[in-house]
Structures are given as C-alpha cells and as structure tokens.
Amino acid sequence: MARHNLDSTELEQAVLLGQAPLFHPNTGQNLSDVADISAVNVHFAAAAGLDVPRYCQLCGRRMVVQVRPDGWSAHCSRHGTVDSSILDR
C-alpha cells in the first residue's frame, strides 16, 4: 500500500504558480487527450470560472470539496489542500 504525505502542499503550489493542469479541474479528464482545454465540454458555471475545482489538477482524483459563504477548500488525498483564500493574495 502506498504512503501518502498528509501535509503535502503540491496542489496549492501548482495553483499558486499557475502551472497548467494535467487533468481538468471540473471533469477530471486527462488533458493530454485534448488538443485545447477550452474544447472540454463543461457546464456554464465551470466554463465561466465560477465553479469550484472538483478534481485534482495533478492526478485527476475526485477531491473532497467544502463550499463556504466566503469561499471554498478542496482536498486531494495525494496532493493536499487548496483554499480559495490563496487566490485573493
């Protein structure tokens, strides 16, 4: 069984650095299979950037997401947690 670093900040760092996602954050689709990220069929809110990420952009796993009145947080079991508050900096 693989060990996971529960204190990983890989996902947060990828978001902060603006790294291109490997997997679509709203569908989990592997983006290496898609010529253009805008070609991925998503609902209107996701296309407008108003939906929270539901899948880890590094591994494509479904994340545990909590939506709050002041933002959201999303947790990947492998790559850690990202919170919308870091995007306000």
PDB file of N, CA and C in Angstrom:
ATOM      1  N   MET A   1       0.837  -1.175   0.000  1.00  0.00           N
ATOM      2  CA  MET A   1       0.000   0.000   0.000  1.00  0.00           C
ATOM      3  C   MET A   1       0.894   1.254   0.000  1.00  0.00           C
ATOM      4  N   ALA A   2       0.574   2.211  -0.847  1.00  0.00           N
ATOM      5  CA  ALA A   2       1.376   3.433  -0.966  1.00  0.00           C
ATOM      6  C   ALA A   2       1.130   4.360   0.220  1.00  0.00           C
ATOM      7  N   ARG A   3       2.171   5.010   0.640  1.00  0.00           N
ATOM      8  CA  ARG A   3       2.058   6.001   1.706  1.00  0.00           C
ATOM      9  C   ARG A   3       1.830   7.360   1.083  1.00  0.00           C
ATOM     10  N   HIS A   4       0.984   8.141   1.705  1.00  0.00           N
ATOM     11  CA  HIS A   4       0.682   9.473   1.205  1.00  0.00           C
ATOM     12  C   HIS A   4       1.109  10.508   2.236  1.00  0.00           C
ATOM     13  N   ASN A   5       1.644  11.604   1.750  1.00  0.00           N
ATOM     14  CA  ASN A   5       2.038  12.683   2.621  1.00  0.00           C
ATOM     15  C   ASN A   5       0.801  13.524   2.934  1.00  0.00           C
ATOM     16  N   LEU A   6       0.309  13.425   4.159  1.00  0.00           N
ATOM     17  CA  LEU A   6      -0.901  14.140   4.541  1.00  0.00           C
ATOM     18  C   LEU A   6      -0.687  15.650   4.597  1.00  0.00           C
ATOM     19  N   ASP A   7       0.544  16.092   4.690  1.00  0.00           N
ATOM     20  CA  ASP A   7       0.841  17.516   4.761  1.00  0.00           C
ATOM     21  C   ASP A   7       1.321  18.062   3.415  1.00  0.00           C
ATOM     22  N   SER A   8       1.048  17.374   2.343  1.00  0.00           N
ATOM     23  CA  SER A   8       1.506  17.799   1.027  1.00  0.00           C
ATOM     24  C   SER A   8       0.938  19.162   0.657  1.00  0.00           C
ATOM     25  N   THR A   9       1.753  19.954   0.008  1.00  0.00           N
ATOM     26  CA  THR A   9       1.312  21.266  -0.479  1.00  0.00           C
ATOM     27  C   THR A   9       1.471  21.346  -1.996  1.00  0.00           C
ATOM     28  N   GLU A  10       1.629  20.201  -2.647  1.00  0.00           N
ATOM     29  CA  GLU A  10       1.855  20.177  -4.097  1.00  0.00           C
ATOM     30  C   GLU A  10       0.730  20.854  -4.872  1.00  0.00           C
ATOM     31  N   LEU A  11      -0.512  20.577  -4.504  1.00  0.00           N
ATOM     32  CA  LEU A  11      -1.650  21.155  -5.218  1.00  0.00           C
ATOM     33  C   LEU A  11      -1.687  22.672  -5.020  1.00  0.00           C
ATOM     34  N   GLU A  12      -1.508  23.111  -3.805  1.00  0.00           N
ATOM     35  CA  GLU A  12      -1.508  24.551  -3.523  1.00  0.00           C
ATOM     36  C   GLU A  12      -0.394  25.251  -4.303  1.00  0.00           C
ATOM     37  N   GLN A  13       0.789  24.657  -4.333  1.00  0.00           N
ATOM     38  CA  GLN A  13       1.909  25.248  -5.064  1.00  0.00           C
ATOM     39  C   GLN A  13       1.624  25.313  -6.562  1.00  0.00           C
ATOM     40  N   ALA A  14       1.025  24.267  -7.107  1.00  0.00           N
ATOM     41  CA  ALA A  14       0.703  24.247  -8.539  1.00  0.00           C
ATOM     42  C   ALA A  14      -0.278  25.360  -8.890  1.00  0.00           C
ATOM     43  N   VAL A  15      -1.267  25.574  -8.024  1.00  0.00           N
ATOM     44  CA  VAL A  15      -2.259  26.631  -8.267  1.00  0.00           C
ATOM     45  C   VAL A  15      -1.601  28.001  -8.141  1.00  0.00           C
ATOM     46  N   LEU A  16      -0.822  28.191  -7.090  1.00  0.00           N
ATOM     47  CA  LEU A  16      -0.160  29.486  -6.879  1.00  0.00           C
ATOM     48  C   LEU A  16       0.807  29.844  -8.002  1.00  0.00           C
ATOM     49  N   LEU A  17       1.504  28.839  -8.522  1.00  0.00           N
ATOM     50  CA  LEU A  17       2.476  29.076  -9.588  1.00  0.00           C
ATOM     51  C   LEU A  17       1.833  29.141 -10.968  1.00  0.00           C
ATOM     52  N   GLY A  18       0.539  28.875 -11.033  1.00  0.00           N
ATOM     53  CA  GLY A  18      -0.167  28.925 -12.313  1.00  0.00           C
ATOM     54  C   GLY A  18       0.225  27.822 -13.274  1.00  0.00           C
ATOM     55  N   GLN A  19       0.629  26.675 -12.729  1.00  0.00           N
ATOM     56  CA  GLN A  19       1.005  25.549 -13.582  1.00  0.00           C
ATOM     57  C   GLN A  19      -0.194  25.076 -14.395  1.00  0.00           C
ATOM     58  N   ALA A  20       0.051  24.742 -15.632  1.00  0.00           N
ATOM     59  CA  ALA A  20      -1.017  24.212 -16.480  1.00  0.00           C
ATOM     60  C   ALA A  20      -1.484  22.880 -15.892  1.00  0.00           C
ATOM     61  N   PRO A  21      -2.798  22.705 -15.736  1.00  0.00           N
ATOM     62  CA  PRO A  21      -3.293  21.452 -15.169  1.00  0.00           C
ATOM     63  C   PRO A  21      -3.059  20.261 -16.094  1.00  0.00           C
ATOM     64  N   LEU A  22      -2.789  19.108 -15.502  1.00  0.00           N
ATOM     65  CA  LEU A  22      -2.655  17.864 -16.245  1.00  0.00           C
ATOM     66  C   LEU A  22      -4.025  17.225 -16.452  1.00  0.00           C
ATOM     67  N   PHE A  23      -4.938  17.502 -15.510  1.00  0.00           N
ATOM     68  CA  PHE A  23      -6.304  16.993 -15.554  1.00  0.00           C
ATOM     69  C   PHE A  23      -7.259  18.166 -15.372  1.00  0.00           C
ATOM     70  N   HIS A  24      -8.402  18.110 -16.043  1.00  0.00           N
ATOM     71  CA  HIS A  24      -9.358  19.206 -15.968  1.00  0.00           C
ATOM     72  C   HIS A  24      -9.939  19.272 -14.555  1.00  0.00           C
ATOM     73  N   PRO A  25      -9.911  20.443 -13.902  1.00  0.00           N
ATOM     74  CA  PRO A  25     -10.359  20.545 -12.517  1.00  0.00           C
ATOM     75  C   PRO A  25     -11.864  20.372 -12.317  1.00  0.00           C
ATOM     76  N   ASN A  26     -12.657  20.438 -13.382  1.00  0.00           N
ATOM     77  CA  ASN A  26     -14.099  20.264 -13.243  1.00  0.00           C
ATOM     78  C   ASN A  26     -14.604  18.928 -13.760  1.00  0.00           C
ATOM     79  N   THR A  27     -13.819  18.246 -14.584  1.00  0.00           N
ATOM     80  CA  THR A  27     -14.267  16.964 -15.141  1.00  0.00           C
ATOM     81  C   THR A  27     -13.337  15.810 -14.800  1.00  0.00           C
ATOM     82  N   GLY A  28     -12.095  16.099 -14.461  1.00  0.00           N
ATOM     83  CA  GLY A  28     -11.113  15.058 -14.189  1.00  0.00           C
ATOM     84  C   GLY A  28     -10.521  14.460 -15.443  1.00  0.00           C
ATOM     85  N   GLN A  29     -10.910  14.979 -16.597  1.00  0.00           N
ATOM     86  CA  GLN A  29     -10.433  14.450 -17.875  1.00  0.00           C
ATOM     87  C   GLN A  29      -8.941  14.724 -18.050  1.00  0.00           C
ATOM     88  N   ASN A  30      -8.216  13.707 -18.517  1.00  0.00           N
ATOM     89  CA  ASN A  30      -6.791  13.839 -18.792  1.00  0.00           C
ATOM     90  C   ASN A  30      -6.614  14.807 -19.957  1.00  0.00           C
ATOM     91  N   LEU A  31      -5.936  15.916 -19.717  1.00  0.00           N
ATOM     92  CA  LEU A  31      -5.817  16.947 -20.741  1.00  0.00           C
ATOM     93  C   LEU A  31      -4.792  16.608 -21.813  1.00  0.00           C
ATOM     94  N   SER A  32      -4.009  15.555 -21.612  1.00  0.00           N
ATOM     95  CA  SER A  32      -3.104  15.137 -22.681  1.00  0.00           C
ATOM     96  C   SER A  32      -3.897  14.505 -23.826  1.00  0.00           C
ATOM     97  N   ASP A  33      -5.163  14.142 -23.545  1.00  0.00           N
ATOM     98  CA  ASP A  33      -6.045  13.578 -24.572  1.00  0.00           C
ATOM     99  C   ASP A  33      -6.794  14.656 -25.353  1.00  0.00           C
ATOM    100  N   VAL A  34      -6.626  15.923 -24.942  1.00  0.00           N
ATOM    101  CA  VAL A  34      -7.387  17.027 -25.522  1.00  0.00           C
ATOM    102  C   VAL A  34      -6.422  18.036 -26.135  1.00  0.00           C
ATOM    103  N   ALA A  35      -6.709  18.463 -27.334  1.00  0.00           N
ATOM    104  CA  ALA A  35      -5.828  19.427 -28.013  1.00  0.00           C
ATOM    105  C   ALA A  35      -5.909  20.807 -27.369  1.00  0.00           C
ATOM    106  N   ASP A  36      -7.094  21.201 -26.891  1.00  0.00           N
ATOM    107  CA  ASP A  36      -7.298  22.531 -26.321  1.00  0.00           C
ATOM    108  C   ASP A  36      -8.209  22.401 -25.105  1.00  0.00           C
ATOM    109  N   ILE A  37      -7.793  22.962 -23.964  1.00  0.00           N
ATOM    110  CA  ILE A  37      -8.577  22.846 -22.730  1.00  0.00           C
ATOM    111  C   ILE A  37      -9.969  23.447 -22.900  1.00  0.00           C
ATOM    112  N   SER A  38     -10.109  24.449 -23.755  1.00  0.00           N
ATOM    113  CA  SER A  38     -11.425  25.060 -23.960  1.00  0.00           C
ATOM    114  C   SER A  38     -12.362  24.126 -24.725  1.00  0.00           C
ATOM    115  N   ALA A  39     -11.837  23.055 -25.293  1.00  0.00           N
ATOM    116  CA  ALA A  39     -12.658  22.095 -26.024  1.00  0.00           C
ATOM    117  C   ALA A  39     -13.368  21.113 -25.091  1.00  0.00           C
ATOM    118  N   VAL A  40     -12.995  21.104 -23.801  1.00  0.00           N
ATOM    119  CA  VAL A  40     -13.634  20.200 -22.841  1.00  0.00           C
ATOM    120  C   VAL A  40     -15.049  20.708 -22.581  1.00  0.00           C
ATOM    121  N   ASN A  41     -16.022  19.814 -22.701  1.00  0.00           N
ATOM    122  CA  ASN A  41     -17.416  20.170 -22.524  1.00  0.00           C
ATOM    123  C   ASN A  41     -17.750  20.232 -21.034  1.00  0.00           C
ATOM    124  N   VAL A  42     -17.985  21.440 -20.511  1.00  0.00           N
ATOM    125  CA  VAL A  42     -18.352  21.634 -19.113  1.00  0.00           C
ATOM    126  C   VAL A  42     -19.605  22.504 -19.042  1.00  0.00           C
ATOM    127  N   HIS A  43     -20.255  22.505 -17.886  1.00  0.00           N
ATOM    128  CA  HIS A  43     -21.449  23.324 -17.729  1.00  0.00           C
ATOM    129  C   HIS A  43     -21.073  24.807 -17.683  1.00  0.00           C
ATOM    130  N   PHE A  44     -22.071  25.660 -17.810  1.00  0.00           N
ATOM    131  CA  PHE A  44     -21.847  27.096 -17.946  1.00  0.00           C
ATOM    132  C   PHE A  44     -21.024  27.691 -16.803  1.00  0.00           C
ATOM    133  N   ALA A  45     -21.338  27.340 -15.553  1.00  0.00           N
ATOM    134  CA  ALA A  45     -20.623  27.920 -14.412  1.00  0.00           C
ATOM    135  C   ALA A  45     -19.140  27.571 -14.441  1.00  0.00           C
ATOM    136  N   ALA A  46     -18.827  26.338 -14.804  1.00  0.00           N
ATOM    137  CA  ALA A  46     -17.421  25.927 -14.883  1.00  0.00           C
ATOM    138  C   ALA A  46     -16.717  26.654 -16.018  1.00  0.00           C
ATOM    139  N   ALA A  47     -17.404  26.788 -17.160  1.00  0.00           N
ATOM    140  CA  ALA A  47     -16.808  27.479 -18.302  1.00  0.00           C
ATOM    141  C   ALA A  47     -16.545  28.951 -17.977  1.00  0.00           C
ATOM    142  N   ALA A  48     -17.374  29.537 -17.138  1.00  0.00           N
ATOM    143  CA  ALA A  48     -17.216  30.947 -16.757  1.00  0.00           C
ATOM    144  C   ALA A  48     -16.226  31.123 -15.604  1.00  0.00           C
ATOM    145  N   GLY A  49     -15.700  30.004 -15.074  1.00  0.00           N
ATOM    146  CA  GLY A  49     -14.752  30.082 -13.962  1.00  0.00           C
ATOM    147  C   GLY A  49     -15.413  30.295 -12.620  1.00  0.00           C
ATOM    148  N   LEU A  50     -16.713  29.993 -12.528  1.00  0.00           N
ATOM    149  CA  LEU A  50     -17.457  30.228 -11.295  1.00  0.00           C
ATOM    150  C   LEU A  50     -17.626  28.981 -10.440  1.00  0.00           C
ATOM    151  N   ASP A  51     -17.270  27.818 -10.957  1.00  0.00           N
ATOM    152  CA  ASP A  51     -17.416  26.576 -10.218  1.00  0.00           C
ATOM    153  C   ASP A  51     -16.110  26.245  -9.513  1.00  0.00           C
ATOM    154  N   VAL A  52     -16.206  25.570  -8.376  1.00  0.00           N
ATOM    155  CA  VAL A  52     -15.013  25.172  -7.636  1.00  0.00           C
ATOM    156  C   VAL A  52     -14.389  23.955  -8.306  1.00  0.00           C
ATOM    157  N   PRO A  53     -13.087  23.753  -8.150  1.00  0.00           N
ATOM    158  CA  PRO A  53     -12.467  22.558  -8.726  1.00  0.00           C
ATOM    159  C   PRO A  53     -12.973  21.314  -7.992  1.00  0.00           C
ATOM    160  N   ARG A  54     -13.321  20.301  -8.738  1.00  0.00           N
ATOM    161  CA  ARG A  54     -13.845  19.059  -8.158  1.00  0.00           C
ATOM    162  C   ARG A  54     -12.843  17.913  -8.281  1.00  0.00           C
ATOM    163  N   TYR A  55     -11.867  18.080  -9.170  1.00  0.00           N
ATOM    164  CA  TYR A  55     -10.859  17.037  -9.416  1.00  0.00           C
ATOM    165  C   TYR A  55      -9.474  17.654  -9.276  1.00  0.00           C
ATOM    166  N   CYS A  56      -8.534  16.877  -8.776  1.00  0.00           N
ATOM    167  CA  CYS A  56      -7.158  17.345  -8.627  1.00  0.00           C
ATOM    168  C   CYS A  56      -6.553  17.575 -10.005  1.00  0.00           C
ATOM    169  N   GLN A  57      -5.960  18.734 -10.201  1.00  0.00           N
ATOM    170  CA  GLN A  57      -5.365  19.042 -11.496  1.00  0.00           C
ATOM    171  C   GLN A  57      -4.051  18.310 -11.717  1.00  0.00           C
ATOM    172  N   LEU A  58      -3.522  17.663 -10.683  1.00  0.00           N
ATOM    173  CA  LEU A  58      -2.266  16.930 -10.808  1.00  0.00           C
ATOM    174  C   LEU A  58      -2.458  15.437 -11.070  1.00  0.00           C
ATOM    175  N   CYS A  59      -3.552  14.855 -10.527  1.00  0.00           N
ATOM    176  CA  CYS A  59      -3.728  13.409 -10.673  1.00  0.00           C
ATOM    177  C   CYS A  59      -5.116  13.004 -11.182  1.00  0.00           C
ATOM    178  N   GLY A  60      -6.059  13.918 -11.209  1.00  0.00           N
ATOM    179  CA  GLY A  60      -7.390  13.618 -11.707  1.00  0.00           C
ATOM    180  C   GLY A  60      -8.313  12.941 -10.714  1.00  0.00           C
ATOM    181  N   ARG A  61      -7.863  12.774  -9.467  1.00  0.00           N
ATOM    182  CA  ARG A  61      -8.721  12.157  -8.452  1.00  0.00           C
ATOM    183  C   ARG A  61      -9.812  13.121  -8.019  1.00  0.00           C
ATOM    184  N   ARG A  62     -10.960  12.583  -7.673  1.00  0.00           N
ATOM    185  CA  ARG A  62     -12.059  13.382  -7.137  1.00  0.00           C
ATOM    186  C   ARG A  62     -11.624  13.917  -5.778  1.00  0.00           C
ATOM    187  N   MET A  63     -11.857  15.200  -5.535  1.00  0.00           N
ATOM    188  CA  MET A  63     -11.445  15.818  -4.278  1.00  0.00           C
ATOM    189  C   MET A  63     -12.639  15.993  -3.344  1.00  0.00           C
ATOM    190  N   VAL A  64     -12.340  16.108  -2.063  1.00  0.00           N
ATOM    191  CA  VAL A  64     -13.343  16.457  -1.071  1.00  0.00           C
ATOM    192  C   VAL A  64     -13.409  17.973  -1.069  1.00  0.00           C
ATOM    193  N   VAL A  65     -14.585  18.519  -1.381  1.00  0.00           N
ATOM    194  CA  VAL A  65     -14.740  19.958  -1.534  1.00  0.00           C
ATOM    195  C   VAL A  65     -15.723  20.484  -0.494  1.00  0.00           C
ATOM    196  N   GLN A  66     -15.366  21.613   0.099  1.00  0.00           N
ATOM    197  CA  GLN A  66     -16.279  22.286   1.018  1.00  0.00           C
ATOM    198  C   GLN A  66     -16.474  23.708   0.526  1.00  0.00           C
ATOM    199  N   VAL A  67     -17.741  24.064   0.297  1.00  0.00           N
ATOM    200  CA  VAL A  67     -18.084  25.416  -0.125  1.00  0.00           C
ATOM    201  C   VAL A  67     -18.577  26.163   1.105  1.00  0.00           C
ATOM    202  N   ARG A  68     -17.988  27.331   1.327  1.00  0.00           N
ATOM    203  CA  ARG A  68     -18.338  28.181   2.463  1.00  0.00           C
ATOM    204  C   ARG A  68     -18.908  29.496   1.937  1.00  0.00           C
ATOM    205  N   PRO A  69     -19.529  30.276   2.798  1.00  0.00           N
ATOM    206  CA  PRO A  69     -20.019  31.591   2.351  1.00  0.00           C
ATOM    207  C   PRO A  69     -18.899  32.500   1.846  1.00  0.00           C
ATOM    208  N   ASP A  70     -17.695  32.321   2.371  1.00  0.00           N
ATOM    209  CA  ASP A  70     -16.579  33.191   1.982  1.00  0.00           C
ATOM    210  C   ASP A  70     -15.598  32.539   1.010  1.00  0.00           C
ATOM    211  N   GLY A  71     -15.930  31.377   0.468  1.00  0.00           N
ATOM    212  CA  GLY A  71     -15.020  30.714  -0.474  1.00  0.00           C
ATOM    213  C   GLY A  71     -15.197  29.214  -0.462  1.00  0.00           C
ATOM    214  N   TRP A  72     -14.112  28.489  -0.715  1.00  0.00           N
ATOM    215  CA  TRP A  72     -14.146  27.040  -0.779  1.00  0.00           C
ATOM    216  C   TRP A  72     -12.780  26.473  -0.434  1.00  0.00           C
ATOM    217  N   SER A  73     -12.755  25.184  -0.133  1.00  0.00           N
ATOM    218  CA  SER A  73     -11.497  24.448   0.010  1.00  0.00           C
ATOM    219  C   SER A  73     -11.693  23.090  -0.662  1.00  0.00           C
ATOM    220  N   ALA A  74     -10.621  22.569  -1.216  1.00  0.00           N
ATOM    221  CA  ALA A  74     -10.666  21.281  -1.899  1.00  0.00           C
ATOM    222  C   ALA A  74      -9.450  20.472  -1.459  1.00  0.00           C
ATOM    223  N   HIS A  75      -9.670  19.191  -1.162  1.00  0.00           N
ATOM    224  CA  HIS A  75      -8.591  18.341  -0.656  1.00  0.00           C
ATOM    225  C   HIS A  75      -8.421  17.097  -1.514  1.00  0.00           C
ATOM    226  N   CYS A  76      -7.198  16.911  -2.007  1.00  0.00           N
ATOM    227  CA  CYS A  76      -6.810  15.696  -2.724  1.00  0.00           C
ATOM    228  C   CYS A  76      -6.052  14.807  -1.739  1.00  0.00           C
ATOM    229  N   SER A  77      -6.377  13.539  -1.720  1.00  0.00           N
ATOM    230  CA  SER A  77      -5.727  12.621  -0.776  1.00  0.00           C
ATOM    231  C   SER A  77      -4.233  12.469  -1.042  1.00  0.00           C
ATOM    232  N   ARG A  78      -3.784  12.783  -2.241  1.00  0.00           N
ATOM    233  CA  ARG A  78      -2.365  12.651  -2.589  1.00  0.00           C
ATOM    234  C   ARG A  78      -1.609  13.972  -2.574  1.00  0.00           C
ATOM    235  N   HIS A  79      -2.259  15.056  -2.986  1.00  0.00           N
ATOM    236  CA  HIS A  79      -1.536  16.309  -3.226  1.00  0.00           C
ATOM    237  C   HIS A  79      -1.899  17.454  -2.298  1.00  0.00           C
ATOM    238  N   GLY A  80      -2.732  17.196  -1.305  1.00  0.00           N
ATOM    239  CA  GLY A  80      -3.009  18.199  -0.286  1.00  0.00           C
ATOM    240  C   GLY A  80      -4.230  19.056  -0.566  1.00  0.00           C
ATOM    241  N   THR A  81      -4.289  20.169   0.147  1.00  0.00           N
ATOM    242  CA  THR A  81      -5.452  21.040   0.147  1.00  0.00           C
ATOM    243  C   THR A  81      -5.130  22.363  -0.536  1.00  0.00           C
ATOM    244  N   VAL A  82      -6.130  22.879  -1.221  1.00  0.00           N
ATOM    245  CA  VAL A  82      -6.047  24.227  -1.772  1.00  0.00           C
ATOM    246  C   VAL A  82      -7.302  24.958  -1.305  1.00  0.00           C
ATOM    247  N   ASP A  83      -7.121  26.222  -0.931  1.00  0.00           N
ATOM    248  CA  ASP A  83      -8.222  27.040  -0.424  1.00  0.00           C
ATOM    249  C   ASP A  83      -8.349  28.269  -1.302  1.00  0.00           C
ATOM    250  N   SER A  84      -9.567  28.688  -1.553  1.00  0.00           N
ATOM    251  CA  SER A  84      -9.793  29.846  -2.418  1.00  0.00           C
ATOM    252  C   SER A  84      -9.171  31.115  -1.854  1.00  0.00           C
ATOM    253  N   SER A  85      -8.922  31.169  -0.567  1.00  0.00           N
ATOM    254  CA  SER A  85      -8.336  32.368   0.031  1.00  0.00           C
ATOM    255  C   SER A  85      -6.938  32.664  -0.516  1.00  0.00           C
ATOM    256  N   ILE A  86      -6.220  31.637  -1.021  1.00  0.00           N
ATOM    257  CA  ILE A  86      -4.888  31.891  -1.574  1.00  0.00           C
ATOM    258  C   ILE A  86      -4.971  32.626  -2.902  1.00  0.00           C
ATOM    259  N   LEU A  87      -6.123  32.568  -3.548  1.00  0.00           N
ATOM    260  CA  LEU A  87      -6.284  33.236  -4.830  1.00  0.00           C
ATOM    261  C   LEU A  87      -6.523  34.729  -4.675  1.00  0.00           C
ATOM    262  N   ASP A  88      -6.846  35.162  -3.456  1.00  0.00           N
ATOM    263  CA  ASP A  88      -7.094  36.572  -3.179  1.00  0.00           C
ATOM    264  C   ASP A  88      -5.815  37.344  -2.889  1.00  0.00           C
ATOM    265  N   ARG A  89      -4.716  36.650  -2.749  1.00  0.00           N
ATOM    266  CA  ARG A  89      -3.457  37.305  -2.368  1.00  0.00           C
ATOM    267  C   ARG A  89      -2.887  38.123  -3.471  1.00  0.00           C
TER     268      ARG A  89
END
